[in-house]
């Protein structure tokens, strides 16, 4: 389950010949594409330890979503930012019993829609809507604000913001600094997986020194990893252990979250895709392992 690995293009790396993980034990926290991650790690000669770490949970109270859609339909909101494709789809599901969905889609077609990346763009397209502005890679809040600066004046505008999980305070502050009134709507959150045993096993494996590298493919994976380790009474031990392993992040948004939580980042691929993340880990693992003890 990724924020950044949803970028357009295939995750299959250019070639599995050459770089090798040489049997290293590689932990990853990918949920939706866990089996793909396992295959990629094995393809490069690593021993995969993939533990799903996130689960989409719809917000139980949908009044906020219903109110939001009516504000779009009535013209009160004339710019909407969609951060995730899943969020757009959850929004449509949340309102289907209370709002004429086609009226909402027609209203969206008449206003400015901004998508953070290819996944929300594809979700809107499936609903018959072509996004007005598509944020370029690496699809962080910084590129989003830059795209608005270049294409969409937002001063004195009411801007709808489809959120997910934890609010992005930097994005909201940036929008407000440009004179926008931000109207957020959140229709799903990230919770721990129903079966936490694999994630707990990876936490204990990291602490025991049995894991050589940890791959993050979503910003919220860091929050859930720390949450479960805290519930197990092992957060400090985990933090200490992460000073001795390779910590690889799929992209800038994930790296920023890791650093905000005082976790190290050793590697970030040029392109925010799972295939590139595993490939570049294979290319650089041996040299990074040489210096990992220096971080202790």
C-alpha atoms as a PDB file:
ATOM      1  CA  UNK A   1       0.000   0.000   0.000  1.00  0.00           C
ATOM      2  CA  UNK A   2       1.877   2.992  -1.234  1.00  0.00           C
ATOM      3  CA  UNK A   3       1.816   6.774  -1.414  1.00  0.00           C
ATOM      4  CA  UNK A   4       4.634   7.210  -3.852  1.00  0.00           C
ATOM      5  CA  UNK A   5       5.081   3.880  -5.633  1.00  0.00           C
ATOM      6  CA  UNK A   6       1.833   4.623  -7.432  1.00  0.00           C
ATOM      7  CA  UNK A   7       3.720   6.682  -9.997  1.00  0.00           C
ATOM      8  CA  UNK A   8       2.993   5.906 -13.619  1.00  0.00           C
ATOM      9  CA  UNK A   9       4.905   3.108 -15.281  1.00  0.00           C
ATOM     10  CA  UNK A  10       5.791  -0.431 -14.380  1.00  0.00           C
ATOM     11  CA  UNK A  11       7.549  -1.464 -11.205  1.00  0.00           C
ATOM     12  CA  UNK A  12       9.428  -4.190 -13.037  1.00  0.00           C
ATOM     13  CA  UNK A  13      13.102  -3.177 -12.973  1.00  0.00           C
ATOM     14  CA  UNK A  14      15.130  -2.950 -16.170  1.00  0.00           C
ATOM     15  CA  UNK A  15      17.144  -6.090 -15.461  1.00  0.00           C
ATOM     16  CA  UNK A  16      17.751  -8.531 -12.657  1.00  0.00           C
ATOM     17  CA  UNK A  17      21.232  -9.341 -13.979  1.00  0.00           C
ATOM     18  CA  UNK A  18      24.175  -7.778 -12.207  1.00  0.00           C
ATOM     19  CA  UNK A  19      23.106  -6.231  -8.891  1.00  0.00           C
ATOM     20  CA  UNK A  20      22.344  -8.807  -6.227  1.00  0.00           C
ATOM     21  CA  UNK A  21      21.212  -8.786  -2.624  1.00  0.00           C
ATOM     22  CA  UNK A  22      23.372 -11.888  -2.101  1.00  0.00           C
ATOM     23  CA  UNK A  23      21.041 -13.564   0.347  1.00  0.00           C
ATOM     24  CA  UNK A  24      20.602 -10.507   2.565  1.00  0.00           C
ATOM     25  CA  UNK A  25      17.493 -10.521   4.741  1.00  0.00           C
ATOM     26  CA  UNK A  26      15.250  -7.724   3.478  1.00  0.00           C
ATOM     27  CA  UNK A  27      12.207  -6.579   5.460  1.00  0.00           C
ATOM     28  CA  UNK A  28       9.456  -4.574   3.771  1.00  0.00           C
ATOM     29  CA  UNK A  29       6.188  -3.131   5.047  1.00  0.00           C
ATOM     30  CA  UNK A  30       4.180  -3.131   1.806  1.00  0.00           C
ATOM     31  CA  UNK A  31       0.543  -4.178   2.203  1.00  0.00           C
ATOM     32  CA  UNK A  32      -1.488  -4.008  -1.010  1.00  0.00           C
ATOM     33  CA  UNK A  33       1.344  -5.334  -3.173  1.00  0.00           C
ATOM     34  CA  UNK A  34       3.051  -7.549  -0.624  1.00  0.00           C
ATOM     35  CA  UNK A  35       3.386 -10.505  -3.000  1.00  0.00           C
ATOM     36  CA  UNK A  36       4.929  -8.276  -5.689  1.00  0.00           C
ATOM     37  CA  UNK A  37       7.455  -7.009  -3.165  1.00  0.00           C
ATOM     38  CA  UNK A  38       8.344 -10.561  -2.130  1.00  0.00           C
ATOM     39  CA  UNK A  39       8.965 -11.512  -5.760  1.00  0.00           C
ATOM     40  CA  UNK A  40      11.132  -8.453  -6.397  1.00  0.00           C
ATOM     41  CA  UNK A  41      13.326  -9.090  -3.368  1.00  0.00           C
ATOM     42  CA  UNK A  42      13.713 -12.761  -4.277  1.00  0.00           C
ATOM     43  CA  UNK A  43      14.434 -11.848  -7.917  1.00  0.00           C
ATOM     44  CA  UNK A  44      17.457  -9.899  -6.774  1.00  0.00           C
ATOM     45  CA  UNK A  45      18.684 -12.708  -4.558  1.00  0.00           C
ATOM     46  CA  UNK A  46      17.422 -11.431  -1.221  1.00  0.00           C
ATOM     47  CA  UNK A  47      15.533 -13.258   1.495  1.00  0.00           C
ATOM     48  CA  UNK A  48      12.183 -11.438   1.773  1.00  0.00           C
ATOM     49  CA  UNK A  49      10.454 -10.669   5.066  1.00  0.00           C
ATOM     50  CA  UNK A  50       7.357  -8.763   3.926  1.00  0.00           C
ATOM     51  CA  UNK A  51       4.903  -7.802   6.646  1.00  0.00           C
ATOM     52  CA  UNK A  52       1.775  -5.827   5.711  1.00  0.00           C
ATOM     53  CA  UNK A  53       1.654  -2.783   7.968  1.00  0.00           C
ATOM     54  CA  UNK A  54      -1.434  -0.814   6.917  1.00  0.00           C
ATOM     55  CA  UNK A  55      -5.142  -1.316   6.412  1.00  0.00           C
ATOM     56  CA  UNK A  56      -7.616   1.109   4.871  1.00  0.00           C
ATOM     57  CA  UNK A  57     -10.466   1.844   7.263  1.00  0.00           C
ATOM     58  CA  UNK A  58     -13.400   3.933   6.097  1.00  0.00           C
ATOM     59  CA  UNK A  59     -14.405   6.765   8.412  1.00  0.00           C
ATOM     60  CA  UNK A  60     -17.582   5.599  10.137  1.00  0.00           C
ATOM     61  CA  UNK A  61     -19.266   9.029  10.262  1.00  0.00           C
ATOM     62  CA  UNK A  62     -19.845  10.205   6.695  1.00  0.00           C
ATOM     63  CA  UNK A  63     -21.560  13.539   7.429  1.00  0.00           C
ATOM     64  CA  UNK A  64     -18.365  15.443   6.591  1.00  0.00           C
ATOM     65  CA  UNK A  65     -18.161  13.750   3.179  1.00  0.00           C
ATOM     66  CA  UNK A  66     -21.830  14.422   2.425  1.00  0.00           C
ATOM     67  CA  UNK A  67     -21.546  18.082   3.431  1.00  0.00           C
ATOM     68  CA  UNK A  68     -18.398  18.411   1.332  1.00  0.00           C
ATOM     69  CA  UNK A  69     -20.063  17.072  -1.806  1.00  0.00           C
ATOM     70  CA  UNK A  70     -23.043  19.389  -1.400  1.00  0.00           C
ATOM     71  CA  UNK A  71     -20.661  22.347  -1.123  1.00  0.00           C
ATOM     72  CA  UNK A  72     -19.120  21.284  -4.432  1.00  0.00           C
ATOM     73  CA  UNK A  73     -22.532  20.804  -6.074  1.00  0.00           C
ATOM     74  CA  UNK A  74     -23.776  24.226  -4.949  1.00  0.00           C
ATOM     75  CA  UNK A  75     -20.636  25.967  -6.213  1.00  0.00           C
ATOM     76  CA  UNK A  76     -19.295  26.968  -2.813  1.00  0.00           C
ATOM     77  CA  UNK A  77     -16.087  25.018  -3.494  1.00  0.00           C
ATOM     78  CA  UNK A  78     -14.600  25.565  -6.937  1.00  0.00           C
ATOM     79  CA  UNK A  79     -11.171  23.962  -6.546  1.00  0.00           C
ATOM     80  CA  UNK A  80     -10.676  20.424  -5.238  1.00  0.00           C
ATOM     81  CA  UNK A  81      -7.351  18.705  -4.585  1.00  0.00           C
ATOM     82  CA  UNK A  82      -7.318  14.907  -4.617  1.00  0.00           C
ATOM     83  CA  UNK A  83      -4.301  13.371  -2.902  1.00  0.00           C
ATOM     84  CA  UNK A  84      -5.094   9.693  -3.528  1.00  0.00           C
ATOM     85  CA  UNK A  85      -7.132   7.620  -5.927  1.00  0.00           C
ATOM     86  CA  UNK A  86      -8.387   5.457  -3.084  1.00  0.00           C
ATOM     87  CA  UNK A  87      -9.640   8.582  -1.333  1.00  0.00           C
ATOM     88  CA  UNK A  88     -11.679   9.675  -4.351  1.00  0.00           C
ATOM     89  CA  UNK A  89     -13.211   6.206  -4.639  1.00  0.00           C
ATOM     90  CA  UNK A  90     -13.994   6.095  -0.908  1.00  0.00           C
ATOM     91  CA  UNK A  91     -15.627   9.517  -1.221  1.00  0.00           C
ATOM     92  CA  UNK A  92     -17.960   8.266  -3.951  1.00  0.00           C
ATOM     93  CA  UNK A  93     -18.853   5.234  -1.844  1.00  0.00           C
ATOM     94  CA  UNK A  94     -19.458   7.357   1.256  1.00  0.00           C
ATOM     95  CA  UNK A  95     -22.014   9.586  -0.453  1.00  0.00           C
ATOM     96  CA  UNK A  96     -23.854   7.132  -2.692  1.00  0.00           C
ATOM     97  CA  UNK A  97     -26.847   6.693  -0.368  1.00  0.00           C
ATOM     98  CA  UNK A  98     -27.300  10.385   0.367  1.00  0.00           C
ATOM     99  CA  UNK A  99     -26.172  12.334  -2.685  1.00  0.00           C
ATOM    100  CA  UNK A 100     -26.854  12.065  -6.408  1.00  0.00           C
ATOM    101  CA  UNK A 101     -23.396  10.853  -7.446  1.00  0.00           C
ATOM    102  CA  UNK A 102     -23.784  12.007 -11.037  1.00  0.00           C
ATOM    103  CA  UNK A 103     -24.618  15.546  -9.896  1.00  0.00           C
ATOM    104  CA  UNK A 104     -21.409  15.538  -7.869  1.00  0.00           C
ATOM    105  CA  UNK A 105     -19.351  14.224 -10.800  1.00  0.00           C
ATOM    106  CA  UNK A 106     -20.925  16.794 -13.126  1.00  0.00           C
ATOM    107  CA  UNK A 107     -20.045  19.530 -10.633  1.00  0.00           C
ATOM    108  CA  UNK A 108     -16.451  18.293 -10.432  1.00  0.00           C
ATOM    109  CA  UNK A 109     -16.244  18.411 -14.226  1.00  0.00           C
ATOM    110  CA  UNK A 110     -17.157  22.097 -14.128  1.00  0.00           C
ATOM    111  CA  UNK A 111     -14.545  23.171 -11.568  1.00  0.00           C
ATOM    112  CA  UNK A 112     -10.779  22.964 -11.160  1.00  0.00           C
ATOM    113  CA  UNK A 113      -9.535  19.560 -10.038  1.00  0.00           C
ATOM    114  CA  UNK A 114      -5.947  18.993  -8.964  1.00  0.00           C
ATOM    115  CA  UNK A 115      -4.447  15.509  -8.579  1.00  0.00           C
ATOM    116  CA  UNK A 116      -1.247  14.759  -6.699  1.00  0.00           C
ATOM    117  CA  UNK A 117      -0.197  11.908  -8.982  1.00  0.00           C
ATOM    118  CA  UNK A 118      -1.231   9.286 -11.528  1.00  0.00           C
ATOM    119  CA  UNK A 119      -3.388   7.197  -9.174  1.00  0.00           C
ATOM    120  CA  UNK A 120      -5.938   9.948  -8.387  1.00  0.00           C
ATOM    121  CA  UNK A 121      -5.783  11.036 -12.041  1.00  0.00           C
ATOM    122  CA  UNK A 122      -6.731   7.504 -13.111  1.00  0.00           C
ATOM    123  CA  UNK A 123      -9.508   7.291 -10.513  1.00  0.00           C
ATOM    124  CA  UNK A 124     -11.061  10.527 -11.774  1.00  0.00           C
ATOM    125  CA  UNK A 125     -10.687   9.382 -15.364  1.00  0.00           C
ATOM    126  CA  UNK A 126     -12.590   6.174 -14.604  1.00  0.00           C
ATOM    127  CA  UNK A 127     -15.411   8.397 -13.355  1.00  0.00           C
ATOM    128  CA  UNK A 128     -15.353  10.414 -16.568  1.00  0.00           C
ATOM    129  CA  UNK A 129     -13.370  13.394 -15.255  1.00  0.00           C
ATOM    130  CA  UNK A 130     -10.118  14.747 -16.670  1.00  0.00           C
ATOM    131  CA  UNK A 131      -8.088  16.457 -13.960  1.00  0.00           C
ATOM    132  CA  UNK A 132      -7.327  20.107 -14.614  1.00  0.00           C
ATOM    133  CA  UNK A 133      -3.850  20.025 -13.062  1.00  0.00           C
ATOM    134  CA  UNK A 134      -1.596  17.003 -12.585  1.00  0.00           C
ATOM    135  CA  UNK A 135       1.230  17.422 -10.092  1.00  0.00           C
ATOM    136  CA  UNK A 136       4.603  16.234 -11.468  1.00  0.00           C
ATOM    137  CA  UNK A 137       6.966  13.773  -9.806  1.00  0.00           C
ATOM    138  CA  UNK A 138       7.963  13.285  -7.095  1.00  0.00           C
ATOM    139  CA  UNK A 139       4.365  14.298  -6.261  1.00  0.00           C
ATOM    140  CA  UNK A 140       5.032  15.794  -2.843  1.00  0.00           C
ATOM    141  CA  UNK A 141       3.192  18.719  -1.270  1.00  0.00           C
ATOM    142  CA  UNK A 142       5.977  20.995  -2.524  1.00  0.00           C
ATOM    143  CA  UNK A 143       5.343  20.079  -6.172  1.00  0.00           C
ATOM    144  CA  UNK A 144       1.620  20.443  -5.515  1.00  0.00           C
ATOM    145  CA  UNK A 145       2.012  23.996  -4.264  1.00  0.00           C
ATOM    146  CA  UNK A 146       4.350  24.820  -7.150  1.00  0.00           C
ATOM    147  CA  UNK A 147       1.782  23.489  -9.628  1.00  0.00           C
ATOM    148  CA  UNK A 148      -0.903  25.673  -8.070  1.00  0.00           C
ATOM    149  CA  UNK A 149       1.396  28.685  -8.224  1.00  0.00           C
ATOM    150  CA  UNK A 150       1.950  28.034 -11.926  1.00  0.00           C
ATOM    151  CA  UNK A 151      -1.596  27.193 -12.988  1.00  0.00           C
ATOM    152  CA  UNK A 152      -4.299  27.922 -10.408  1.00  0.00           C
ATOM    153  CA  UNK A 153      -4.717  31.188  -8.456  1.00  0.00           C
ATOM    154  CA  UNK A 154      -6.153  30.254  -5.074  1.00  0.00           C
ATOM    155  CA  UNK A 155      -6.215  33.583  -3.250  1.00  0.00           C
ATOM    156  CA  UNK A 156      -9.632  34.092  -1.633  1.00  0.00           C
ATOM    157  CA  UNK A 157     -10.766  30.707  -2.960  1.00  0.00           C
ATOM    158  CA  UNK A 158     -12.378  27.871  -1.022  1.00  0.00           C
ATOM    159  CA  UNK A 159     -10.205  24.866  -1.766  1.00  0.00           C
ATOM    160  CA  UNK A 160     -11.430  21.355  -1.054  1.00  0.00           C
ATOM    161  CA  UNK A 161      -8.720  18.943   0.084  1.00  0.00           C
ATOM    162  CA  UNK A 162      -9.235  15.182   0.103  1.00  0.00           C
ATOM    163  CA  UNK A 163      -7.034  13.924   2.907  1.00  0.00           C
ATOM    164  CA  UNK A 164      -5.995  10.483   4.094  1.00  0.00           C
ATOM    165  CA  UNK A 165      -4.566   9.332   7.382  1.00  0.00           C
ATOM    166  CA  UNK A 166      -2.823  12.177   9.165  1.00  0.00           C
ATOM    167  CA  UNK A 167      -3.346  15.729   7.889  1.00  0.00           C
ATOM    168  CA  UNK A 168      -0.419  17.263   6.029  1.00  0.00           C
ATOM    169  CA  UNK A 169       0.096  20.421   8.059  1.00  0.00           C
ATOM    170  CA  UNK A 170       2.767  21.716   5.666  1.00  0.00           C
ATOM    171  CA  UNK A 171       0.408  21.493   2.700  1.00  0.00           C
ATOM    172  CA  UNK A 172      -2.456  23.134   4.569  1.00  0.00           C
ATOM    173  CA  UNK A 173      -0.164  25.913   5.796  1.00  0.00           C
ATOM    174  CA  UNK A 174       1.071  26.468   2.242  1.00  0.00           C
ATOM    175  CA  UNK A 175      -2.459  26.725   0.895  1.00  0.00           C
ATOM    176  CA  UNK A 176      -3.512  29.120   3.632  1.00  0.00           C
ATOM    177  CA  UNK A 177      -0.388  31.230   3.130  1.00  0.00           C
ATOM    178  CA  UNK A 178      -1.523  31.699  -0.465  1.00  0.00           C
ATOM    179  CA  UNK A 179      -4.851  33.051   0.743  1.00  0.00           C
ATOM    180  CA  UNK A 180      -7.000  29.943   0.358  1.00  0.00           C
ATOM    181  CA  UNK A 181      -9.668  28.760   2.766  1.00  0.00           C
ATOM    182  CA  UNK A 182      -9.011  25.032   3.067  1.00  0.00           C
ATOM    183  CA  UNK A 183     -12.010  22.715   3.406  1.00  0.00           C
ATOM    184  CA  UNK A 184     -10.702  19.225   4.195  1.00  0.00           C
ATOM    185  CA  UNK A 185     -12.554  15.960   3.792  1.00  0.00           C
ATOM    186  CA  UNK A 186     -11.237  12.655   5.089  1.00  0.00           C
ATOM    187  CA  UNK A 187     -13.074   9.457   4.233  1.00  0.00           C
ATOM    188  CA  UNK A 188     -10.550   6.844   5.296  1.00  0.00           C
ATOM    189  CA  UNK A 189      -7.693   6.321   7.710  1.00  0.00           C
ATOM    190  CA  UNK A 190      -4.804   3.888   7.974  1.00  0.00           C
ATOM    191  CA  UNK A 191      -4.986   1.346  10.782  1.00  0.00           C
ATOM    192  CA  UNK A 192      -2.798  -1.591  11.710  1.00  0.00           C
ATOM    193  CA  UNK A 193      -3.480  -4.776   9.730  1.00  0.00           C
ATOM    194  CA  UNK A 194      -5.946  -7.261  11.157  1.00  0.00           C
ATOM    195  CA  UNK A 195      -3.122  -9.787  11.498  1.00  0.00           C
ATOM    196  CA  UNK A 196      -0.212  -8.029  13.188  1.00  0.00           C
ATOM    197  CA  UNK A 197       1.892 -11.177  13.675  1.00  0.00           C
ATOM    198  CA  UNK A 198       4.111 -10.691  10.568  1.00  0.00           C
ATOM    199  CA  UNK A 199       4.750  -7.042  11.467  1.00  0.00           C
ATOM    200  CA  UNK A 200       5.578  -7.984  15.050  1.00  0.00           C
ATOM    201  CA  UNK A 201       7.929 -10.670  13.733  1.00  0.00           C
ATOM    202  CA  UNK A 202       9.778  -8.072  11.652  1.00  0.00           C
ATOM    203  CA  UNK A 203      10.049  -5.727  14.636  1.00  0.00           C
ATOM    204  CA  UNK A 204      11.534  -8.499  16.742  1.00  0.00           C
ATOM    205  CA  UNK A 205      13.746  -9.615  13.858  1.00  0.00           C
ATOM    206  CA  UNK A 206      15.141  -6.105  13.472  1.00  0.00           C
ATOM    207  CA  UNK A 207      15.849  -5.869  17.185  1.00  0.00           C
ATOM    208  CA  UNK A 208      17.527  -9.288  17.151  1.00  0.00           C
ATOM    209  CA  UNK A 209      19.827  -8.243  14.309  1.00  0.00           C
ATOM    210  CA  UNK A 210      18.314 -10.745  11.872  1.00  0.00           C
ATOM    211  CA  UNK A 211      17.388  -8.147   9.221  1.00  0.00           C
ATOM    212  CA  UNK A 212      19.878  -6.368   6.959  1.00  0.00           C
ATOM    213  CA  UNK A 213      17.618  -3.785   5.307  1.00  0.00           C
ATOM    214  CA  UNK A 214      14.157  -2.303   5.814  1.00  0.00           C
ATOM    215  CA  UNK A 215      12.185  -0.946   2.850  1.00  0.00           C
ATOM    216  CA  UNK A 216       9.483   1.710   3.302  1.00  0.00           C
ATOM    217  CA  UNK A 217       7.015   2.191   0.443  1.00  0.00           C
ATOM    218  CA  UNK A 218       4.633   4.606   2.178  1.00  0.00           C
ATOM    219  CA  UNK A 219       4.984   7.435   4.651  1.00  0.00           C
ATOM    220  CA  UNK A 220       2.373   6.057   7.032  1.00  0.00           C
ATOM    221  CA  UNK A 221       4.227   2.755   7.330  1.00  0.00           C
ATOM    222  CA  UNK A 222       6.645   4.557   9.628  1.00  0.00           C
ATOM    223  CA  UNK A 223       3.817   5.672  11.907  1.00  0.00           C
ATOM    224  CA  UNK A 224       2.337   2.183  12.105  1.00  0.00           C
ATOM    225  CA  UNK A 225       5.722   0.571  12.693  1.00  0.00           C
ATOM    226  CA  UNK A 226       6.391   2.910  15.608  1.00  0.00           C
ATOM    227  CA  UNK A 227       2.833   2.516  16.879  1.00  0.00           C
ATOM    228  CA  UNK A 228       3.035  -1.271  17.101  1.00  0.00           C
ATOM    229  CA  UNK A 229       6.546  -1.239  18.523  1.00  0.00           C
ATOM    230  CA  UNK A 230       5.296   1.173  21.192  1.00  0.00           C
ATOM    231  CA  UNK A 231       2.329  -1.064  21.999  1.00  0.00           C
ATOM    232  CA  UNK A 232       4.781  -3.956  22.377  1.00  0.00           C
ATOM    233  CA  UNK A 233       7.025  -1.864  24.634  1.00  0.00           C
ATOM    234  CA  UNK A 234       9.837  -2.151  22.073  1.00  0.00           C
ATOM    235  CA  UNK A 235      10.022   1.291  20.447  1.00  0.00           C
ATOM    236  CA  UNK A 236      13.385   2.306  21.885  1.00  0.00           C
ATOM    237  CA  UNK A 237      14.896  -1.082  21.059  1.00  0.00           C
ATOM    238  CA  UNK A 238      13.575  -0.765  17.507  1.00  0.00           C
ATOM    239  CA  UNK A 239      14.962   2.742  17.093  1.00  0.00           C
ATOM    240  CA  UNK A 240      18.359   1.522  18.244  1.00  0.00           C
ATOM    241  CA  UNK A 241      18.189  -1.427  15.858  1.00  0.00           C
ATOM    242  CA  UNK A 242      17.431   0.806  12.872  1.00  0.00           C
ATOM    243  CA  UNK A 243      20.805   2.484  13.327  1.00  0.00           C
ATOM    244  CA  UNK A 244      22.404  -0.803  12.288  1.00  0.00           C
ATOM    245  CA  UNK A 245      20.369  -1.690   9.181  1.00  0.00           C
ATOM    246  CA  UNK A 246      19.914  -0.144   5.754  1.00  0.00           C
ATOM    247  CA  UNK A 247      16.774   1.995   5.755  1.00  0.00           C
ATOM    248  CA  UNK A 248      15.490   2.537   2.220  1.00  0.00           C
ATOM    249  CA  UNK A 249      12.668   4.962   1.386  1.00  0.00           C
ATOM    250  CA  UNK A 250      10.696   4.929  -1.846  1.00  0.00           C
ATOM    251  CA  UNK A 251      10.493   8.703  -2.236  1.00  0.00           C
ATOM    252  CA  UNK A 252      10.601  12.220  -0.767  1.00  0.00           C
ATOM    253  CA  UNK A 253       7.260  12.099   1.069  1.00  0.00           C
ATOM    254  CA  UNK A 254       8.221   8.877   2.827  1.00  0.00           C
ATOM    255  CA  UNK A 255      11.730  10.142   3.570  1.00  0.00           C
ATOM    256  CA  UNK A 256      10.312  13.302   5.102  1.00  0.00           C
ATOM    257  CA  UNK A 257       8.036  11.276   7.379  1.00  0.00           C
ATOM    258  CA  UNK A 258      10.928   9.057   8.465  1.00  0.00           C
ATOM    259  CA  UNK A 259      13.095  12.043   9.336  1.00  0.00           C
ATOM    260  CA  UNK A 260      10.224  13.748  11.165  1.00  0.00           C
ATOM    261  CA  UNK A 261      10.090  10.636  13.336  1.00  0.00           C
ATOM    262  CA  UNK A 262      13.870  10.715  13.889  1.00  0.00           C
ATOM    263  CA  UNK A 263      14.428   7.613  11.783  1.00  0.00           C
ATOM    264  CA  UNK A 264      17.391   7.333   9.403  1.00  0.00           C
ATOM    265  CA  UNK A 265      17.191   7.278   5.612  1.00  0.00           C
ATOM    266  CA  UNK A 266      20.098   5.663   3.767  1.00  0.00           C
ATOM    267  CA  UNK A 267      18.676   5.321   0.292  1.00  0.00           C
ATOM    268  CA  UNK A 268      16.013   6.865  -1.916  1.00  0.00           C
ATOM    269  CA  UNK A 269      15.711   5.753  -5.562  1.00  0.00           C
ATOM    270  CA  UNK A 270      15.651   8.187  -8.440  1.00  0.00           C
ATOM    271  CA  UNK A 271      12.128   7.073  -9.350  1.00  0.00           C
ATOM    272  CA  UNK A 272       9.473   6.400  -6.709  1.00  0.00           C
ATOM    273  CA  UNK A 273       8.601   2.871  -7.784  1.00  0.00           C
ATOM    274  CA  UNK A 274       8.974  -0.433  -5.961  1.00  0.00           C
ATOM    275  CA  UNK A 275      11.109  -1.975  -8.690  1.00  0.00           C
ATOM    276  CA  UNK A 276      13.595   0.887  -8.557  1.00  0.00           C
ATOM    277  CA  UNK A 277      13.646   0.789  -4.760  1.00  0.00           C
ATOM    278  CA  UNK A 278      14.646  -2.883  -4.701  1.00  0.00           C
ATOM    279  CA  UNK A 279      17.055  -2.485  -7.624  1.00  0.00           C
ATOM    280  CA  UNK A 280      18.935   0.403  -6.022  1.00  0.00           C
ATOM    281  CA  UNK A 281      18.984  -1.413  -2.686  1.00  0.00           C
ATOM    282  CA  UNK A 282      20.666  -4.336  -4.473  1.00  0.00           C
ATOM    283  CA  UNK A 283      23.114  -1.985  -6.179  1.00  0.00           C
ATOM    284  CA  UNK A 284      24.140  -0.206  -2.987  1.00  0.00           C
ATOM    285  CA  UNK A 285      23.549  -2.702  -0.191  1.00  0.00           C
ATOM    286  CA  UNK A 286      27.102  -3.926   0.204  1.00  0.00           C
ATOM    287  CA  UNK A 287      28.631  -0.445   0.397  1.00  0.00           C
ATOM    288  CA  UNK A 288      25.927   0.758   2.774  1.00  0.00           C
ATOM    289  CA  UNK A 289      26.392  -2.231   5.058  1.00  0.00           C
ATOM    290  CA  UNK A 290      30.048  -1.336   5.482  1.00  0.00           C
ATOM    291  CA  UNK A 291      29.137   1.981   7.076  1.00  0.00           C
ATOM    292  CA  UNK A 292      26.008   1.053   8.982  1.00  0.00           C
ATOM    293  CA  UNK A 293      27.774   0.457  12.295  1.00  0.00           C
ATOM    294  CA  UNK A 294      29.135   3.995  12.151  1.00  0.00           C
ATOM    295  CA  UNK A 295      25.625   5.275  12.756  1.00  0.00           C
ATOM    296  CA  UNK A 296      25.323   3.546  16.126  1.00  0.00           C
END
